Amino acid sequence: MVEGVDPDRCPLCGNENECGLRAGSKTCWCFSEKLLPGVLDSIPPEAQRAACLCKKCATGRDDLAGVSKAVEKQLPNRS
């Protein structure tokens, strides 16, 4: 963990980022979404690779609730 960076919060807006991998899932909502052009370049250097963006900041959309859970259900059981 990087000091001063909350890995559960979006480094751009401070909202929860809902990272599926961080929550212990095998997938995340971002695996199937197109990110806004240049959005990764807008992450502050200290937060790069330390915290994920939220859905709204990453995609410009806020209608993605439950996507990672739906994708997870479609994956074969990987024990």
Protein backbone atom coordinates (compact mmCIF):
# COMPACT_ATOMS: atom_id res chain seq x y z
CA MET A 1 0.00 0.00 0.00
CA VAL A 2 1.23 3.47 -0.88
CA GLU A 3 1.09 5.93 2.00
CA GLY A 4 -1.65 8.50 1.53
CA VAL A 5 -3.44 6.48 -1.19
CA ASP A 6 -6.60 4.56 -0.27
CA PRO A 7 -6.72 1.53 -2.62
CA ASP A 8 -10.52 1.33 -2.19
CA ARG A 9 -11.12 4.91 -3.39
CA CYS A 10 -10.88 6.47 -6.82
CA PRO A 11 -7.81 8.73 -6.94
CA LEU A 12 -9.69 11.24 -9.11
CA CYS A 13 -12.96 11.79 -7.23
CA GLY A 14 -12.56 9.92 -3.92
CA ASN A 15 -15.61 7.70 -4.39
CA GLU A 16 -15.42 3.95 -3.81
CA ASN A 17 -13.87 2.29 -6.86
CA GLU A 18 -15.66 -1.05 -6.44
CA CYS A 19 -12.64 -3.03 -7.64
CA GLY A 20 -13.71 -6.65 -7.99
CA LEU A 21 -10.17 -8.00 -7.69
CA ARG A 22 -9.55 -6.06 -4.50
CA ALA A 23 -12.82 -7.48 -3.13
CA GLY A 24 -11.57 -11.02 -3.82
CA SER A 25 -13.41 -11.65 -7.07
CA LYS A 26 -11.86 -13.25 -10.14
CA THR A 27 -12.92 -10.34 -12.31
CA CYS A 28 -13.76 -6.66 -12.20
CA TRP A 29 -16.22 -4.36 -13.92
CA CYS A 30 -13.34 -2.72 -15.80
CA PHE A 31 -12.44 -5.92 -17.67
CA SER A 32 -15.34 -5.45 -20.06
CA GLU A 33 -15.55 -1.66 -20.29
CA LYS A 34 -13.93 0.85 -22.60
CA LEU A 35 -12.10 3.53 -20.63
CA LEU A 36 -12.26 7.19 -21.54
CA PRO A 37 -9.32 8.19 -23.75
CA GLY A 38 -6.47 9.56 -21.64
CA VAL A 39 -8.12 8.82 -18.30
CA LEU A 40 -5.23 6.67 -17.08
CA ASP A 41 -2.85 9.56 -17.73
CA SER A 42 -4.94 11.70 -15.38
CA ILE A 43 -4.20 9.51 -12.35
CA PRO A 44 -1.75 11.25 -10.00
CA PRO A 45 1.69 9.59 -10.12
CA GLU A 46 1.55 8.51 -6.47
CA ALA A 47 -1.75 6.66 -7.07
CA GLN A 48 -0.75 4.86 -10.27
CA ARG A 49 -0.83 1.09 -9.71
CA ALA A 50 -1.98 1.77 -6.13
CA ALA A 51 -5.69 2.57 -6.58
CA CYS A 52 -8.29 1.91 -9.26
CA LEU A 53 -10.59 4.47 -10.81
CA CYS A 54 -14.32 4.37 -10.12
CA LYS A 55 -16.72 3.45 -12.92
CA LYS A 56 -17.86 6.99 -13.55
CA CYS A 57 -14.35 8.48 -13.79
CA ALA A 58 -13.03 5.58 -15.88
CA THR A 59 -15.86 5.35 -18.36
CA GLY A 60 -17.97 8.49 -18.00
CA ARG A 61 -20.88 6.17 -17.12
CA ASP A 62 -22.56 5.46 -13.82
CA ASP A 63 -24.92 2.68 -14.90
CA LEU A 64 -22.53 -0.25 -14.40
CA ALA A 65 -23.67 -1.47 -10.98
CA GLY A 66 -23.43 -5.23 -10.63
CA VAL A 67 -21.43 -5.84 -13.81
CA SER A 68 -18.56 -7.65 -12.09
CA LYS A 69 -21.00 -9.90 -10.21
CA ALA A 70 -22.80 -10.80 -13.43
CA VAL A 71 -19.52 -11.63 -15.17
CA GLU A 72 -18.36 -13.68 -12.17
CA LYS A 73 -21.49 -15.87 -12.40
CA GLN A 74 -20.65 -16.69 -16.02
CA LEU A 75 -17.11 -17.89 -15.24
CA PRO A 76 -16.50 -21.58 -14.62
CA ASN A 77 -15.74 -22.47 -11.00
CA ARG A 78 -11.99 -22.00 -10.53
CA SER A 79 -10.99 -23.56 -7.25
